[in-house]
Amino acid sequence: RRLTSMLHWDVNNGIARRAWARNDGALSTARRAMQQEPRLRVTLPNMAEDSLLESLFPEDE
């Protein structure tokens, strides 16, 4: 039982990391996992438009 629980949390940690890398599949999987496991909390990223980021960090400089 303990090993199963540890594996569950480890897998979801990897999903969360991929979600922060803007992986669409990981974002939806993380949302679904939180619905299925009430104790699981994943802080999901807020997506910014690429144009906003480019205006904040121009490549010219």
PDB file of N, CA and C in Angstrom:
ATOM      1  N   ARG A   1       0.831  -1.200   0.000  1.00  0.00           N
ATOM      2  CA  ARG A   1       0.000   0.000   0.000  1.00  0.00           C
ATOM      3  C   ARG A   1       0.873   1.260   0.000  1.00  0.00           C
ATOM      4  N   ARG A   2       1.897   1.254   0.812  1.00  0.00           N
ATOM      5  CA  ARG A   2       2.777   2.426   0.895  1.00  0.00           C
ATOM      6  C   ARG A   2       3.493   2.676  -0.436  1.00  0.00           C
ATOM      7  N   LEU A   3       3.976   1.613  -1.048  1.00  0.00           N
ATOM      8  CA  LEU A   3       4.662   1.743  -2.332  1.00  0.00           C
ATOM      9  C   LEU A   3       3.723   2.286  -3.404  1.00  0.00           C
ATOM     10  N   THR A   4       2.494   1.814  -3.429  1.00  0.00           N
ATOM     11  CA  THR A   4       1.508   2.303  -4.395  1.00  0.00           C
ATOM     12  C   THR A   4       1.260   3.789  -4.199  1.00  0.00           C
ATOM     13  N   SER A   5       1.143   4.206  -2.948  1.00  0.00           N
ATOM     14  CA  SER A   5       0.920   5.626  -2.654  1.00  0.00           C
ATOM     15  C   SER A   5       2.115   6.470  -3.089  1.00  0.00           C
ATOM     16  N   MET A   6       3.323   5.988  -2.803  1.00  0.00           N
ATOM     17  CA  MET A   6       4.526   6.736  -3.189  1.00  0.00           C
ATOM     18  C   MET A   6       4.624   6.858  -4.705  1.00  0.00           C
ATOM     19  N   LEU A   7       4.309   5.783  -5.404  1.00  0.00           N
ATOM     20  CA  LEU A   7       4.359   5.808  -6.864  1.00  0.00           C
ATOM     21  C   LEU A   7       3.337   6.791  -7.426  1.00  0.00           C
ATOM     22  N   HIS A   8       2.138   6.786  -6.855  1.00  0.00           N
ATOM     23  CA  HIS A   8       1.083   7.713  -7.278  1.00  0.00           C
ATOM     24  C   HIS A   8       1.564   9.162  -7.161  1.00  0.00           C
ATOM     25  N   TRP A   9       2.132   9.524  -6.026  1.00  0.00           N
ATOM     26  CA  TRP A   9       2.574  10.901  -5.816  1.00  0.00           C
ATOM     27  C   TRP A   9       3.768  11.234  -6.702  1.00  0.00           C
ATOM     28  N   ASP A  10       4.660  10.266  -6.938  1.00  0.00           N
ATOM     29  CA  ASP A  10       5.815  10.500  -7.793  1.00  0.00           C
ATOM     30  C   ASP A  10       5.381  10.750  -9.237  1.00  0.00           C
ATOM     31  N   VAL A  11       4.451   9.949  -9.717  1.00  0.00           N
ATOM     32  CA  VAL A  11       3.941  10.127 -11.081  1.00  0.00           C
ATOM     33  C   VAL A  11       3.285  11.495 -11.222  1.00  0.00           C
ATOM     34  N   ASN A  12       2.469  11.873 -10.249  1.00  0.00           N
ATOM     35  CA  ASN A  12       1.797  13.166 -10.330  1.00  0.00           C
ATOM     36  C   ASN A  12       2.766  14.330 -10.203  1.00  0.00           C
ATOM     37  N   ASN A  13       3.874  14.134  -9.501  1.00  0.00           N
ATOM     38  CA  ASN A  13       4.902  15.170  -9.444  1.00  0.00           C
ATOM     39  C   ASN A  13       5.501  15.389 -10.834  1.00  0.00           C
ATOM     40  N   GLY A  14       5.741  14.312 -11.563  1.00  0.00           N
ATOM     41  CA  GLY A  14       6.243  14.425 -12.932  1.00  0.00           C
ATOM     42  C   GLY A  14       5.240  15.098 -13.855  1.00  0.00           C
ATOM     43  N   ILE A  15       3.966  14.789 -13.667  1.00  0.00           N
ATOM     44  CA  ILE A  15       2.916  15.430 -14.465  1.00  0.00           C
ATOM     45  C   ILE A  15       2.890  16.929 -14.186  1.00  0.00           C
ATOM     46  N   ALA A  16       3.010  17.305 -12.913  1.00  0.00           N
ATOM     47  CA  ALA A  16       3.012  18.726 -12.553  1.00  0.00           C
ATOM     48  C   ALA A  16       4.195  19.446 -13.192  1.00  0.00           C
ATOM     49  N   ARG A  17       5.349  18.807 -13.191  1.00  0.00           N
ATOM     50  CA  ARG A  17       6.542  19.422 -13.795  1.00  0.00           C
ATOM     51  C   ARG A  17       6.325  19.645 -15.291  1.00  0.00           C
ATOM     52  N   ARG A  18       5.731  18.669 -15.950  1.00  0.00           N
ATOM     53  CA  ARG A  18       5.456  18.817 -17.385  1.00  0.00           C
ATOM     54  C   ARG A  18       4.386  19.877 -17.644  1.00  0.00           C
ATOM     55  N   ALA A  19       3.437  19.993 -16.737  1.00  0.00           N
ATOM     56  CA  ALA A  19       2.409  21.032 -16.886  1.00  0.00           C
ATOM     57  C   ALA A  19       3.051  22.418 -16.848  1.00  0.00           C
ATOM     58  N   TRP A  20       4.034  22.603 -15.970  1.00  0.00           N
ATOM     59  CA  TRP A  20       4.717  23.896 -15.899  1.00  0.00           C
ATOM     60  C   TRP A  20       5.559  24.159 -17.143  1.00  0.00           C
ATOM     61  N   ALA A  21       5.860  23.103 -17.901  1.00  0.00           N
ATOM     62  CA  ALA A  21       6.581  23.263 -19.164  1.00  0.00           C
ATOM     63  C   ALA A  21       5.610  23.519 -20.321  1.00  0.00           C
ATOM     64  N   ARG A  22       4.345  23.790 -19.987  1.00  0.00           N
ATOM     65  CA  ARG A  22       3.290  24.128 -20.940  1.00  0.00           C
ATOM     66  C   ARG A  22       2.871  22.948 -21.812  1.00  0.00           C
ATOM     67  N   ASN A  23       2.978  21.741 -21.292  1.00  0.00           N
ATOM     68  CA  ASN A  23       2.545  20.549 -22.010  1.00  0.00           C
ATOM     69  C   ASN A  23       1.036  20.410 -21.828  1.00  0.00           C
ATOM     70  N   ASP A  24       0.292  20.539 -22.938  1.00  0.00           N
ATOM     71  CA  ASP A  24      -1.176  20.508 -22.866  1.00  0.00           C
ATOM     72  C   ASP A  24      -1.708  19.204 -22.277  1.00  0.00           C
ATOM     73  N   GLY A  25      -1.112  18.090 -22.662  1.00  0.00           N
ATOM     74  CA  GLY A  25      -1.550  16.802 -22.131  1.00  0.00           C
ATOM     75  C   GLY A  25      -1.356  16.707 -20.627  1.00  0.00           C
ATOM     76  N   ALA A  26      -0.246  17.237 -20.145  1.00  0.00           N
ATOM     77  CA  ALA A  26       0.021  17.207 -18.704  1.00  0.00           C
ATOM     78  C   ALA A  26      -0.939  18.121 -17.948  1.00  0.00           C
ATOM     79  N   LEU A  27      -1.294  19.249 -18.542  1.00  0.00           N
ATOM     80  CA  LEU A  27      -2.251  20.152 -17.888  1.00  0.00           C
ATOM     81  C   LEU A  27      -3.596  19.469 -17.688  1.00  0.00           C
ATOM     82  N   SER A  28      -4.089  18.823 -18.726  1.00  0.00           N
ATOM     83  CA  SER A  28      -5.390  18.163 -18.599  1.00  0.00           C
ATOM     84  C   SER A  28      -5.304  16.955 -17.673  1.00  0.00           C
ATOM     85  N   THR A  29      -4.192  16.241 -17.705  1.00  0.00           N
ATOM     86  CA  THR A  29      -4.015  15.093 -16.814  1.00  0.00           C
ATOM     87  C   THR A  29      -3.947  15.539 -15.363  1.00  0.00           C
ATOM     88  N   ALA A  30      -3.269  16.644 -15.093  1.00  0.00           N
ATOM     89  CA  ALA A  30      -3.185  17.156 -13.721  1.00  0.00           C
ATOM     90  C   ALA A  30      -4.567  17.564 -13.215  1.00  0.00           C
ATOM     91  N   ARG A  31      -5.340  18.201 -14.059  1.00  0.00           N
ATOM     92  CA  ARG A  31      -6.703  18.587 -13.655  1.00  0.00           C
ATOM     93  C   ARG A  31      -7.553  17.354 -13.344  1.00  0.00           C
ATOM     94  N   ARG A  32      -7.446  16.358 -14.197  1.00  0.00           N
ATOM     95  CA  ARG A  32      -8.214  15.125 -13.994  1.00  0.00           C
ATOM     96  C   ARG A  32      -7.758  14.395 -12.723  1.00  0.00           C
ATOM     97  N   ALA A  33      -6.448  14.353 -12.487  1.00  0.00           N
ATOM     98  CA  ALA A  33      -5.925  13.681 -11.295  1.00  0.00           C
ATOM     99  C   ALA A  33      -6.404  14.372 -10.022  1.00  0.00           C
ATOM    100  N   MET A  34      -6.487  15.704 -10.044  1.00  0.00           N
ATOM    101  CA  MET A  34      -6.976  16.431  -8.860  1.00  0.00           C
ATOM    102  C   MET A  34      -8.453  16.149  -8.614  1.00  0.00           C
ATOM    103  N   GLN A  35      -9.216  15.926  -9.672  1.00  0.00           N
ATOM    104  CA  GLN A  35     -10.630  15.578  -9.501  1.00  0.00           C
ATOM    105  C   GLN A  35     -10.775  14.182  -8.898  1.00  0.00           C
ATOM    106  N   GLN A  36      -9.883  13.285  -9.281  1.00  0.00           N
ATOM    107  CA  GLN A  36      -9.970  11.903  -8.809  1.00  0.00           C
ATOM    108  C   GLN A  36      -9.391  11.718  -7.408  1.00  0.00           C
ATOM    109  N   GLU A  37      -8.422  12.545  -7.026  1.00  0.00           N
ATOM    110  CA  GLU A  37      -7.769  12.420  -5.724  1.00  0.00           C
ATOM    111  C   GLU A  37      -7.895  13.741  -4.974  1.00  0.00           C
ATOM    112  N   PRO A  38      -8.830  13.836  -4.033  1.00  0.00           N
ATOM    113  CA  PRO A  38      -9.087  15.107  -3.344  1.00  0.00           C
ATOM    114  C   PRO A  38      -7.888  15.648  -2.558  1.00  0.00           C
ATOM    115  N   ARG A  39      -6.950  14.788  -2.171  1.00  0.00           N
ATOM    116  CA  ARG A  39      -5.785  15.267  -1.408  1.00  0.00           C
ATOM    117  C   ARG A  39      -4.697  15.842  -2.305  1.00  0.00           C
ATOM    118  N   LEU A  40      -4.805  15.621  -3.596  1.00  0.00           N
ATOM    119  CA  LEU A  40      -3.792  16.099  -4.536  1.00  0.00           C
ATOM    120  C   LEU A  40      -4.052  17.557  -4.880  1.00  0.00           C
ATOM    121  N   ARG A  41      -3.029  18.376  -4.720  1.00  0.00           N
ATOM    122  CA  ARG A  41      -3.104  19.792  -5.081  1.00  0.00           C
ATOM    123  C   ARG A  41      -1.907  20.125  -5.972  1.00  0.00           C
ATOM    124  N   VAL A  42      -2.204  20.527  -7.183  1.00  0.00           N
ATOM    125  CA  VAL A  42      -1.166  20.926  -8.123  1.00  0.00           C
ATOM    126  C   VAL A  42      -1.408  22.383  -8.471  1.00  0.00           C
ATOM    127  N   THR A  43      -0.401  23.215  -8.289  1.00  0.00           N
ATOM    128  CA  THR A  43      -0.498  24.611  -8.695  1.00  0.00           C
ATOM    129  C   THR A  43      -0.241  24.658 -10.194  1.00  0.00           C
ATOM    130  N   LEU A  44      -1.273  24.997 -10.939  1.00  0.00           N
ATOM    131  CA  LEU A  44      -1.156  25.029 -12.393  1.00  0.00           C
ATOM    132  C   LEU A  44      -0.691  26.407 -12.851  1.00  0.00           C
ATOM    133  N   PRO A  45       0.079  26.453 -13.928  1.00  0.00           N
ATOM    134  CA  PRO A  45       0.580  27.740 -14.417  1.00  0.00           C
ATOM    135  C   PRO A  45      -0.524  28.562 -15.077  1.00  0.00           C
ATOM    136  N   ASN A  46      -0.372  29.861 -15.035  1.00  0.00           N
ATOM    137  CA  ASN A  46      -1.227  30.780 -15.788  1.00  0.00           C
ATOM    138  C   ASN A  46      -0.494  31.081 -17.088  1.00  0.00           C
ATOM    139  N   MET A  47      -1.128  30.772 -18.185  1.00  0.00           N
ATOM    140  CA  MET A  47      -0.482  30.945 -19.482  1.00  0.00           C
ATOM    141  C   MET A  47      -0.505  32.411 -19.909  1.00  0.00           C
ATOM    142  N   ALA A  48       0.635  32.880 -20.377  1.00  0.00           N
ATOM    143  CA  ALA A  48       0.743  34.240 -20.897  1.00  0.00           C
ATOM    144  C   ALA A  48       0.903  34.167 -22.409  1.00  0.00           C
ATOM    145  N   GLU A  49       0.393  35.158 -23.074  1.00  0.00           N
ATOM    146  CA  GLU A  49       0.559  35.229 -24.528  1.00  0.00           C
ATOM    147  C   GLU A  49       2.044  35.409 -24.849  1.00  0.00           C
ATOM    148  N   ASP A  50       2.504  34.732 -25.888  1.00  0.00           N
ATOM    149  CA  ASP A  50       3.900  34.852 -26.290  1.00  0.00           C
ATOM    150  C   ASP A  50       4.274  36.301 -26.589  1.00  0.00           C
ATOM    151  N   SER A  51       3.357  37.055 -27.184  1.00  0.00           N
ATOM    152  CA  SER A  51       3.656  38.452 -27.531  1.00  0.00           C
ATOM    153  C   SER A  51       3.923  39.286 -26.276  1.00  0.00           C
ATOM    154  N   LEU A  52       3.222  39.002 -25.190  1.00  0.00           N
ATOM    155  CA  LEU A  52       3.465  39.719 -23.938  1.00  0.00           C
ATOM    156  C   LEU A  52       4.867  39.418 -23.424  1.00  0.00           C
ATOM    157  N   LEU A  53       5.236  38.170 -23.423  1.00  0.00           N
ATOM    158  CA  LEU A  53       6.572  37.799 -22.956  1.00  0.00           C
ATOM    159  C   LEU A  53       7.658  38.396 -23.844  1.00  0.00           C
ATOM    160  N   GLU A  54       7.423  38.376 -25.151  1.00  0.00           N
ATOM    161  CA  GLU A  54       8.410  38.938 -26.073  1.00  0.00           C
ATOM    162  C   GLU A  54       8.571  40.436 -25.869  1.00  0.00           C
ATOM    163  N   SER A  55       7.480  41.127 -25.519  1.00  0.00           N
ATOM    164  CA  SER A  55       7.585  42.573 -25.284  1.00  0.00           C
ATOM    165  C   SER A  55       8.330  42.870 -23.982  1.00  0.00           C
ATOM    166  N   LEU A  56       8.256  41.968 -23.037  1.00  0.00           N
ATOM    167  CA  LEU A  56       8.955  42.169 -21.766  1.00  0.00           C
ATOM    168  C   LEU A  56      10.433  41.828 -21.859  1.00  0.00           C
ATOM    169  N   PHE A  57      10.764  40.885 -22.734  1.00  0.00           N
ATOM    170  CA  PHE A  57      12.140  40.418 -22.861  1.00  0.00           C
ATOM    171  C   PHE A  57      12.563  40.441 -24.326  1.00  0.00           C
ATOM    172  N   PRO A  58      12.780  41.636 -24.876  1.00  0.00           N
ATOM    173  CA  PRO A  58      13.163  41.714 -26.292  1.00  0.00           C
ATOM    174  C   PRO A  58      14.533  41.077 -26.522  1.00  0.00           C
ATOM    175  N   GLU A  59      14.677  40.451 -27.678  1.00  0.00           N
ATOM    176  CA  GLU A  59      15.936  39.777 -28.011  1.00  0.00           C
ATOM    177  C   GLU A  59      16.993  40.747 -28.517  1.00  0.00           C
ATOM    178  N   ASP A  60      16.615  41.982 -28.826  1.00  0.00           N
ATOM    179  CA  ASP A  60      17.545  42.959 -29.392  1.00  0.00           C
ATOM    180  C   ASP A  60      18.609  43.385 -28.396  1.00  0.00           C
ATOM    181  N   GLU A  61      18.293  43.333 -27.141  1.00  0.00           N
ATOM    182  CA  GLU A  61      19.209  43.892 -26.132  1.00  0.00           C
ATOM    183  C   GLU A  61      20.274  42.938 -25.720  1.00  0.00           C
TER     184      GLU A  61
END
